[in-house]
Amino acid sequence: MHTRNKPASGGVLVPLGLVAVTLVFIGCEPPVSLPPEPKLTSIELLISGESGALLLGFEDGDGNFGLEQPDTTGAFCPGCPYHHNVFCDYQEWRDGEWTSIELDPDLGQVPFHYRAPLVAPTGQNKAQRGTITVNLEPRYYLTSAWDTLRFAVHIVDRDLQVSNMLYTASVTKP
């Protein structure tokens, strides 16, 4: 894990997909009051060929978003619902409505769930604002008879507080 001690940013790469986190810590400015629950502030799906990336703007008032590699016990254990903290629900437009497609790891399908790392703020103000980049590789879409997709995304902090849900714009598969 690589973090920067500068108040401007931090970034890392983690297994199970590539997730980079850039944080902007509120440093020498007047204290910012944000709720302790994480909040997604923006979402964008960028596409390049068959690969894609989700750019997720977020904020967290108590600065406890992110997981360290040793966080694999209790609620964060492998196989537990909160082993991941970034949840990207893949949806297709089927018969006039958005349908979530459940992926089964036992069948070799890998859900679009990720572990964004902890980049703890320093100083008295623990508020976090930043961008999470999730690289969707080797392909951002699933093969099926339907041609339109979107992602519904939410995040969860270390206190298991769930953010709001944001949706990407719909896109047509190549």
Protein backbone atom coordinates (compact mmCIF):
# COMPACT_ATOMS: atom_id res chain seq x y z
CA MET A 1 0.00 0.00 0.00
CA HIS A 2 1.32 3.40 -0.91
CA THR A 3 0.04 6.57 0.65
CA ARG A 4 1.24 10.12 0.52
CA ASN A 5 1.55 12.21 3.63
CA LYS A 6 0.71 15.36 1.72
CA PRO A 7 -2.76 16.71 2.50
CA ALA A 8 -3.70 16.66 -1.18
CA SER A 9 -3.86 13.06 -2.32
CA GLY A 10 -3.09 9.40 -1.90
CA GLY A 11 -3.39 6.40 -4.20
CA VAL A 12 -2.96 2.64 -4.21
CA LEU A 13 -3.51 -0.49 -6.23
CA VAL A 14 -5.31 -3.49 -4.73
CA PRO A 15 -6.12 -7.03 -5.84
CA LEU A 16 -9.51 -8.09 -7.29
CA GLY A 17 -9.45 -5.30 -9.81
CA LEU A 18 -7.63 -2.06 -9.89
CA VAL A 19 -8.93 0.57 -7.51
CA ALA A 20 -7.20 3.90 -7.03
CA VAL A 21 -8.25 6.40 -4.40
CA THR A 22 -7.42 10.06 -4.49
CA LEU A 23 -8.35 12.00 -1.39
CA VAL A 24 -8.43 15.68 -0.73
CA PHE A 25 -8.11 16.33 2.97
CA ILE A 26 -9.46 19.53 4.36
CA GLY A 27 -6.29 20.89 6.01
CA CYS A 28 -5.56 24.50 6.95
CA GLU A 29 -8.97 25.71 5.92
CA PRO A 30 -11.74 26.39 8.42
CA PRO A 31 -13.22 23.10 9.66
CA VAL A 32 -15.72 21.55 7.29
CA SER A 33 -18.73 19.87 8.80
CA LEU A 34 -19.83 16.77 6.91
CA PRO A 35 -22.11 13.99 8.14
CA PRO A 36 -20.30 10.87 9.39
CA GLU A 37 -21.99 8.70 6.76
CA PRO A 38 -20.15 8.34 3.45
CA LYS A 39 -21.74 10.04 0.46
CA LEU A 40 -21.21 9.57 -3.25
CA THR A 41 -21.15 12.99 -4.87
CA SER A 42 -20.59 12.05 -8.52
CA ILE A 43 -20.27 9.07 -10.83
CA GLU A 44 -18.94 8.67 -14.33
CA LEU A 45 -18.37 5.61 -16.54
CA LEU A 46 -15.45 6.06 -18.94
CA ILE A 47 -15.11 3.56 -21.78
CA SER A 48 -12.05 2.69 -23.84
CA GLY A 49 -12.62 -0.26 -26.17
CA GLU A 50 -13.81 -3.16 -24.02
CA SER A 51 -12.30 -1.75 -20.81
CA GLY A 52 -13.95 0.80 -18.61
CA ALA A 53 -13.41 2.85 -15.48
CA LEU A 54 -15.80 4.20 -12.89
CA LEU A 55 -14.89 7.56 -11.37
CA LEU A 56 -16.65 8.01 -8.03
CA GLY A 57 -16.57 11.30 -6.16
CA PHE A 58 -17.15 10.83 -2.44
CA GLU A 59 -16.97 12.46 0.96
CA ASP A 60 -16.97 11.13 4.51
CA GLY A 61 -17.21 13.38 7.54
CA ASP A 62 -15.45 11.18 10.09
CA GLY A 63 -12.67 10.01 7.76
CA ASN A 64 -13.17 6.29 8.21
CA PHE A 65 -13.73 5.18 4.64
CA GLY A 66 -11.35 2.53 3.34
CA LEU A 67 -9.99 -0.85 4.37
CA GLU A 68 -6.45 -1.93 5.19
CA GLN A 69 -5.13 -5.26 3.88
CA PRO A 70 -5.23 -6.84 7.37
CA ASP A 71 -8.96 -5.96 7.67
CA THR A 72 -10.12 -9.53 7.06
CA THR A 73 -11.85 -10.46 10.33
CA GLY A 74 -15.27 -9.77 11.78
CA ALA A 75 -17.52 -7.93 9.34
CA PHE A 76 -14.62 -7.66 6.85
CA CYS A 77 -13.84 -11.39 6.59
CA PRO A 78 -13.60 -13.02 3.16
CA GLY A 79 -17.11 -14.16 2.25
CA CYS A 80 -18.73 -11.65 4.62
CA PRO A 81 -21.05 -8.97 3.22
CA TYR A 82 -18.61 -6.16 4.07
CA HIS A 83 -15.35 -7.74 2.91
CA HIS A 84 -15.61 -5.14 0.14
CA ASN A 85 -16.47 -1.47 0.54
CA VAL A 86 -17.24 -0.42 -3.05
CA PHE A 87 -20.28 -2.14 -4.55
CA CYS A 88 -21.00 -1.75 -8.26
CA ASP A 89 -24.29 -3.39 -9.19
CA TYR A 90 -24.33 -4.33 -12.89
CA GLN A 91 -27.73 -3.72 -14.48
CA GLU A 92 -29.16 -4.32 -17.96
CA TRP A 93 -32.22 -2.80 -19.59
CA ARG A 94 -34.44 -5.86 -20.05
CA ASP A 95 -38.03 -5.76 -21.23
CA GLY A 96 -38.54 -2.11 -20.33
CA GLU A 97 -36.92 -2.07 -16.86
CA TRP A 98 -33.49 -2.07 -15.22
CA THR A 99 -32.60 -5.57 -14.03
CA SER A 100 -29.73 -6.27 -11.63
CA ILE A 101 -27.61 -9.16 -12.81
CA GLU A 102 -26.47 -11.33 -9.89
CA LEU A 103 -23.07 -12.87 -10.50
CA ASP A 104 -22.13 -16.20 -8.91
CA PRO A 105 -18.45 -16.62 -7.96
CA ASP A 106 -19.02 -20.39 -7.72
CA LEU A 107 -19.64 -20.34 -11.49
CA GLY A 108 -16.47 -18.34 -12.18
CA GLN A 109 -18.33 -15.03 -12.35
CA VAL A 110 -16.72 -12.19 -10.41
CA PRO A 111 -19.06 -9.57 -8.92
CA PHE A 112 -18.11 -5.92 -9.40
CA HIS A 113 -17.16 -5.48 -5.71
CA TYR A 114 -13.90 -3.88 -4.62
CA ARG A 115 -11.84 -2.96 -1.56
CA ALA A 116 -10.79 0.68 -1.61
CA PRO A 117 -7.86 1.22 0.73
CA LEU A 118 -7.83 3.31 3.88
CA VAL A 119 -6.00 6.60 3.43
CA ALA A 120 -6.49 8.11 6.86
CA PRO A 121 -6.58 11.89 7.13
CA THR A 122 -4.09 13.55 9.44
CA GLY A 123 -4.73 16.49 11.73
CA GLN A 124 -7.81 17.42 13.69
CA ASN A 125 -10.26 17.62 10.80
CA LYS A 126 -10.93 14.05 9.66
CA ALA A 127 -13.28 14.92 6.78
CA GLN A 128 -12.44 13.22 3.50
CA ARG A 129 -13.26 14.25 -0.04
CA GLY A 130 -11.86 12.35 -2.94
CA THR A 131 -12.20 10.24 -6.03
CA ILE A 132 -12.25 6.48 -6.27
CA THR A 133 -11.24 5.06 -9.65
CA VAL A 134 -12.36 1.50 -10.36
CA ASN A 135 -10.84 -0.02 -13.49
CA LEU A 136 -13.22 -2.52 -15.07
CA GLU A 137 -10.90 -4.87 -16.89
CA PRO A 138 -10.61 -6.82 -19.05
CA ARG A 139 -14.20 -5.93 -19.95
CA TYR A 140 -16.76 -3.57 -18.42
CA TYR A 141 -19.80 -5.46 -19.73
CA LEU A 142 -21.23 -8.96 -19.64
CA THR A 143 -22.11 -10.95 -22.73
CA SER A 144 -25.88 -11.33 -23.03
CA ALA A 145 -28.76 -10.80 -25.45
CA TRP A 146 -29.42 -7.29 -24.05
CA ASP A 147 -27.45 -4.32 -25.33
CA THR A 148 -27.87 -1.54 -22.72
CA LEU A 149 -26.27 -1.39 -19.29
CA ARG A 150 -25.56 0.86 -16.33
CA PHE A 151 -23.98 0.55 -12.90
CA ALA A 152 -25.64 1.34 -9.57
CA VAL A 153 -22.93 2.10 -7.01
CA HIS A 154 -22.72 2.60 -3.25
CA ILE A 155 -19.90 2.55 -0.71
CA VAL A 156 -19.64 1.47 2.94
CA ASP A 157 -17.35 2.93 5.61
CA ARG A 158 -15.59 1.14 8.49
CA ASP A 159 -18.60 1.73 10.78
CA LEU A 160 -20.72 -0.14 8.18
CA GLN A 161 -22.59 3.04 7.30
CA VAL A 162 -23.93 2.80 3.75
CA SER A 163 -23.80 5.72 1.33
CA ASN A 164 -26.43 6.86 -1.09
CA MET A 165 -26.76 5.04 -4.43
CA LEU A 166 -25.70 6.71 -7.68
CA TYR A 167 -26.28 5.41 -11.21
CA THR A 168 -24.12 5.81 -14.30
CA ALA A 169 -25.66 6.98 -17.51
CA SER A 170 -26.86 4.08 -19.63
CA VAL A 171 -24.49 2.89 -22.35
CA THR A 172 -24.84 0.56 -25.31
CA LYS A 173 -22.50 -2.43 -25.38
CA PRO A 174 -20.06 -2.62 -28.32
